[in-house]
């Protein structure tokens, strides 16, 4: 018996567990509501076994500029519990789109 993606997603939701792709999608869809800035990208998703939570890093556009290499972006960490509910967010740093930065966290 095969299952569709929608059926798999519903099973995952009902079981109270989410996977990496679910969290990436949640981070992407909830960023603008939580941070009130437009999402630029989701660039990290990881699960912390010890804390039993998901951590994501997203870039948001804090100020648009011309040329766009001068846009000011904010790197935010958004934490989700193991059921996929957003628990907290925090801005870690700001940078110009054209700058080279390290994304270690």
N, C-alpha and C. Protein backbone atom coordinates (compact mmCIF):
# COMPACT_ATOMS: atom_id res chain seq x y z
N UNK A 1 0.84 -1.18 0.00
CA UNK A 1 0.00 0.00 0.00
C UNK A 1 0.89 1.24 0.00
N UNK A 2 0.67 2.15 -0.93
CA UNK A 2 1.47 3.37 -1.00
C UNK A 2 0.73 4.51 -0.31
N UNK A 3 1.51 5.48 0.14
CA UNK A 3 0.91 6.66 0.78
C UNK A 3 1.34 7.89 0.03
N UNK A 4 0.48 8.87 0.02
CA UNK A 4 0.81 10.13 -0.63
C UNK A 4 1.55 11.00 0.36
N UNK A 5 2.17 12.07 -0.15
CA UNK A 5 2.88 13.01 0.72
C UNK A 5 1.93 13.60 1.75
N UNK A 6 0.70 13.93 1.33
CA UNK A 6 -0.28 14.50 2.25
C UNK A 6 -0.61 13.52 3.37
N UNK A 7 -0.77 12.24 3.02
CA UNK A 7 -1.06 11.23 4.03
C UNK A 7 0.11 11.08 4.99
N UNK A 8 1.33 11.09 4.45
CA UNK A 8 2.52 10.99 5.28
C UNK A 8 2.61 12.18 6.22
N UNK A 9 2.35 13.38 5.70
CA UNK A 9 2.40 14.58 6.53
C UNK A 9 1.37 14.51 7.65
N UNK A 10 0.14 14.04 7.31
CA UNK A 10 -0.89 13.93 8.34
C UNK A 10 -0.50 12.92 9.40
N UNK A 11 0.07 11.80 8.99
CA UNK A 11 0.52 10.80 9.95
C UNK A 11 1.59 11.38 10.85
N UNK A 12 2.53 12.10 10.25
CA UNK A 12 3.59 12.73 11.03
C UNK A 12 2.99 13.70 12.03
N UNK A 13 2.03 14.52 11.59
CA UNK A 13 1.41 15.50 12.47
C UNK A 13 0.66 14.80 13.60
N UNK A 14 -0.11 13.76 13.27
CA UNK A 14 -0.91 13.09 14.28
C UNK A 14 -0.02 12.38 15.29
N UNK A 15 1.13 11.87 14.86
CA UNK A 15 2.04 11.18 15.75
C UNK A 15 2.82 12.14 16.63
N UNK A 16 2.69 13.44 16.39
CA UNK A 16 3.36 14.42 17.21
C UNK A 16 4.81 14.62 16.86
N UNK A 17 5.25 14.06 15.75
CA UNK A 17 6.65 14.20 15.36
C UNK A 17 6.72 14.88 14.01
N UNK A 18 7.75 15.69 13.85
CA UNK A 18 7.97 16.36 12.58
C UNK A 18 9.38 16.03 12.11
N UNK A 19 9.60 16.17 10.81
CA UNK A 19 10.92 15.89 10.27
C UNK A 19 11.59 17.18 9.81
N UNK A 20 12.78 17.03 9.31
CA UNK A 20 13.60 18.17 8.90
C UNK A 20 12.88 19.05 7.89
N UNK A 21 12.26 18.45 6.89
CA UNK A 21 11.57 19.23 5.86
C UNK A 21 10.37 19.97 6.44
N UNK A 22 9.63 19.32 7.36
CA UNK A 22 8.50 20.00 8.01
C UNK A 22 8.97 21.26 8.72
N UNK A 23 10.07 21.15 9.45
CA UNK A 23 10.58 22.30 10.20
C UNK A 23 11.07 23.39 9.26
N UNK A 24 11.75 23.01 8.17
CA UNK A 24 12.18 24.01 7.19
C UNK A 24 10.99 24.77 6.64
N UNK A 25 9.94 24.05 6.31
CA UNK A 25 8.74 24.70 5.77
C UNK A 25 8.07 25.59 6.82
N UNK A 26 8.03 25.13 8.05
CA UNK A 26 7.43 25.95 9.12
C UNK A 26 8.24 27.21 9.35
N UNK A 27 9.57 27.09 9.36
CA UNK A 27 10.42 28.27 9.53
C UNK A 27 10.16 29.27 8.40
N UNK A 28 10.08 28.76 7.18
CA UNK A 28 9.85 29.64 6.03
C UNK A 28 8.49 30.31 6.11
N UNK A 29 7.47 29.56 6.48
CA UNK A 29 6.12 30.13 6.49
C UNK A 29 5.84 31.03 7.70
N UNK A 30 6.52 30.80 8.82
CA UNK A 30 6.22 31.57 10.03
C UNK A 30 7.15 32.76 10.27
N UNK A 31 8.24 32.84 9.53
CA UNK A 31 9.21 33.90 9.77
C UNK A 31 8.60 35.29 9.67
N UNK A 32 7.87 35.56 8.60
CA UNK A 32 7.34 36.90 8.41
C UNK A 32 6.36 37.27 9.51
N UNK A 33 5.56 36.32 9.99
CA UNK A 33 4.62 36.60 11.08
C UNK A 33 5.35 36.85 12.39
N UNK A 34 6.35 36.03 12.68
CA UNK A 34 7.07 36.15 13.95
C UNK A 34 7.95 37.40 14.00
N UNK A 35 8.69 37.64 12.93
CA UNK A 35 9.71 38.68 12.94
C UNK A 35 9.23 39.97 12.28
N UNK A 36 8.16 39.88 11.53
CA UNK A 36 7.56 41.02 10.85
C UNK A 36 8.50 41.66 9.83
N UNK A 37 9.26 40.80 9.17
CA UNK A 37 10.16 41.20 8.09
C UNK A 37 10.09 40.11 7.03
N UNK A 38 10.37 40.45 5.76
CA UNK A 38 10.30 39.44 4.69
C UNK A 38 11.45 38.43 4.78
N UNK A 39 11.12 37.16 4.59
CA UNK A 39 12.10 36.08 4.58
C UNK A 39 12.99 36.19 3.35
N UNK A 40 14.29 36.02 3.53
CA UNK A 40 15.22 35.91 2.41
C UNK A 40 15.58 34.45 2.17
N UNK A 41 15.93 33.72 3.24
CA UNK A 41 16.26 32.30 3.08
C UNK A 41 16.27 31.59 4.43
N UNK A 42 16.11 30.27 4.34
CA UNK A 42 16.33 29.39 5.49
C UNK A 42 17.65 28.71 5.19
N UNK A 43 18.66 28.90 6.03
CA UNK A 43 19.94 28.32 5.68
C UNK A 43 20.47 27.29 6.66
N UNK A 44 19.73 26.98 7.72
CA UNK A 44 20.15 25.89 8.60
C UNK A 44 18.95 25.36 9.37
N UNK A 45 18.91 24.03 9.50
CA UNK A 45 17.91 23.35 10.32
C UNK A 45 18.62 22.21 11.00
N UNK A 46 18.50 22.14 12.33
CA UNK A 46 19.12 21.03 13.04
C UNK A 46 18.28 20.66 14.25
N UNK A 47 18.38 19.40 14.64
CA UNK A 47 17.68 18.92 15.82
C UNK A 47 18.67 18.76 16.96
N UNK A 48 18.33 19.29 18.12
CA UNK A 48 19.16 19.17 19.32
C UNK A 48 18.53 18.08 20.19
N UNK A 49 19.17 16.91 20.22
CA UNK A 49 18.65 15.78 20.99
C UNK A 49 18.54 16.09 22.47
N UNK A 50 19.53 16.77 22.98
CA UNK A 50 19.57 17.07 24.41
C UNK A 50 18.41 17.98 24.83
N UNK A 51 18.19 19.03 24.06
CA UNK A 51 17.12 19.99 24.36
C UNK A 51 15.77 19.54 23.81
N UNK A 52 15.79 18.53 22.96
CA UNK A 52 14.58 18.04 22.30
C UNK A 52 13.84 19.15 21.57
N UNK A 53 14.61 19.88 20.76
CA UNK A 53 14.02 20.95 19.97
C UNK A 53 14.77 21.12 18.65
N UNK A 54 14.10 21.76 17.71
CA UNK A 54 14.67 22.09 16.42
C UNK A 54 15.17 23.52 16.47
N UNK A 55 16.32 23.75 15.85
CA UNK A 55 16.87 25.10 15.73
C UNK A 55 17.01 25.41 14.25
N UNK A 56 16.54 26.57 13.87
CA UNK A 56 16.67 26.99 12.48
C UNK A 56 17.36 28.35 12.44
N UNK A 57 18.06 28.60 11.35
CA UNK A 57 18.63 29.92 11.09
C UNK A 57 18.00 30.44 9.81
N UNK A 58 17.47 31.64 9.88
CA UNK A 58 16.84 32.25 8.72
C UNK A 58 17.43 33.64 8.51
N UNK A 59 17.43 34.07 7.26
CA UNK A 59 17.81 35.44 6.92
C UNK A 59 16.54 36.20 6.60
N UNK A 60 16.42 37.40 7.14
CA UNK A 60 15.31 38.27 6.79
C UNK A 60 15.87 39.59 6.28
N UNK A 61 15.12 40.23 5.41
CA UNK A 61 15.53 41.53 4.88
C UNK A 61 15.07 42.59 5.86
N UNK A 62 16.02 43.25 6.49
CA UNK A 62 15.69 44.30 7.45
C UNK A 62 15.63 45.68 6.79
N UNK A 63 16.39 45.85 5.70
CA UNK A 63 16.33 47.11 4.95
C UNK A 63 16.74 46.83 3.51
N UNK A 64 15.88 47.20 2.58
CA UNK A 64 16.20 47.05 1.16
C UNK A 64 17.00 48.26 0.69
N UNK A 65 17.94 48.00 -0.22
CA UNK A 65 18.78 49.07 -0.76
C UNK A 65 18.99 48.86 -2.25
N UNK A 66 19.47 49.89 -2.90
CA UNK A 66 19.88 49.80 -4.30
C UNK A 66 21.33 50.20 -4.34
N UNK A 67 22.21 49.35 -4.80
CA UNK A 67 21.99 47.99 -5.31
C UNK A 67 21.67 47.03 -4.16
N UNK A 68 21.10 45.87 -4.52
CA UNK A 68 20.67 44.94 -3.48
C UNK A 68 21.83 44.34 -2.67
N UNK A 69 23.07 44.47 -3.15
CA UNK A 69 24.21 44.00 -2.36
C UNK A 69 24.37 44.82 -1.09
N UNK A 70 23.67 45.95 -1.01
CA UNK A 70 23.72 46.78 0.20
C UNK A 70 22.52 46.56 1.12
N UNK A 71 21.63 45.61 0.77
CA UNK A 71 20.53 45.25 1.66
C UNK A 71 21.09 44.87 3.02
N UNK A 72 20.37 45.22 4.07
CA UNK A 72 20.75 44.79 5.42
C UNK A 72 19.90 43.58 5.76
N UNK A 73 20.58 42.47 6.06
CA UNK A 73 19.90 41.22 6.42
C UNK A 73 20.14 40.93 7.89
N UNK A 74 19.17 40.31 8.50
CA UNK A 74 19.30 39.84 9.88
C UNK A 74 19.30 38.33 9.88
N UNK A 75 20.19 37.75 10.66
CA UNK A 75 20.20 36.30 10.86
C UNK A 75 19.48 36.03 12.17
N UNK A 76 18.41 35.25 12.10
CA UNK A 76 17.61 34.93 13.27
C UNK A 76 17.63 33.43 13.51
N UNK A 77 17.64 33.07 14.78
CA UNK A 77 17.46 31.68 15.16
C UNK A 77 16.02 31.55 15.63
N UNK A 78 15.30 30.58 15.08
CA UNK A 78 13.94 30.27 15.51
C UNK A 78 13.97 28.84 16.03
N UNK A 79 13.52 28.65 17.27
CA UNK A 79 13.49 27.33 17.88
C UNK A 79 12.07 26.78 17.85
N UNK A 80 11.96 25.49 17.55
CA UNK A 80 10.69 24.78 17.51
C UNK A 80 10.77 23.59 18.46
N UNK A 81 9.66 23.27 19.12
CA UNK A 81 9.67 22.07 19.95
C UNK A 81 9.60 20.84 19.05
N UNK A 82 9.64 19.66 19.63
CA UNK A 82 9.69 18.44 18.82
C UNK A 82 8.36 18.11 18.15
N UNK A 83 7.35 18.93 18.38
CA UNK A 83 6.07 18.80 17.67
C UNK A 83 5.94 19.83 16.56
N UNK A 84 6.92 20.73 16.46
CA UNK A 84 6.92 21.72 15.40
C UNK A 84 6.32 23.06 15.76
N UNK A 85 6.10 23.31 17.04
CA UNK A 85 5.56 24.60 17.48
C UNK A 85 6.70 25.57 17.73
N UNK A 86 6.58 26.78 17.19
CA UNK A 86 7.60 27.81 17.42
C UNK A 86 7.61 28.16 18.90
N UNK A 87 8.82 28.18 19.48
CA UNK A 87 8.96 28.46 20.91
C UNK A 87 9.64 29.79 21.17
N UNK A 88 10.62 30.14 20.33
CA UNK A 88 11.35 31.38 20.55
C UNK A 88 12.08 31.79 19.27
N UNK A 89 12.44 33.06 19.21
CA UNK A 89 13.31 33.53 18.15
C UNK A 89 14.22 34.61 18.69
N UNK A 90 15.36 34.76 18.03
CA UNK A 90 16.36 35.72 18.48
C UNK A 90 17.20 36.16 17.28
N UNK A 91 17.44 37.48 17.19
CA UNK A 91 18.35 37.95 16.14
C UNK A 91 19.77 37.74 16.63
N UNK A 92 20.57 37.08 15.80
CA UNK A 92 21.96 36.78 16.16
C UNK A 92 22.92 37.83 15.63
N UNK A 93 22.65 38.35 14.46
CA UNK A 93 23.54 39.36 13.87
C UNK A 93 22.85 40.01 12.68
N UNK A 94 23.45 41.11 12.23
CA UNK A 94 23.02 41.80 11.01
C UNK A 94 24.24 41.92 10.10
N UNK A 95 23.99 41.95 8.80
CA UNK A 95 25.09 42.11 7.85
C UNK A 95 24.55 42.64 6.52
N UNK A 96 25.46 43.20 5.72
CA UNK A 96 25.11 43.62 4.36
C UNK A 96 25.16 42.39 3.47
N UNK A 97 24.21 42.30 2.56
CA UNK A 97 24.14 41.14 1.67
C UNK A 97 25.48 40.87 0.98
N UNK A 98 26.21 41.89 0.62
CA UNK A 98 27.47 41.72 -0.09
C UNK A 98 28.66 41.36 0.78
N UNK A 99 28.50 41.38 2.11
CA UNK A 99 29.61 41.06 3.02
C UNK A 99 29.80 39.55 3.13
N UNK A 100 31.03 39.16 3.41
CA UNK A 100 31.30 37.76 3.70
C UNK A 100 31.16 37.56 5.19
N UNK A 101 30.33 36.58 5.58
CA UNK A 101 30.17 36.30 6.99
C UNK A 101 30.22 34.79 7.23
N UNK A 102 30.46 34.43 8.46
CA UNK A 102 30.47 33.03 8.85
C UNK A 102 29.14 32.72 9.53
N UNK A 103 28.57 31.56 9.24
CA UNK A 103 27.28 31.20 9.80
C UNK A 103 27.41 30.18 10.92
N UNK A 104 28.52 30.13 11.61
CA UNK A 104 28.64 29.19 12.72
C UNK A 104 27.72 29.66 13.84
N UNK A 105 27.17 28.72 14.54
CA UNK A 105 26.24 29.05 15.63
C UNK A 105 26.44 28.15 16.81
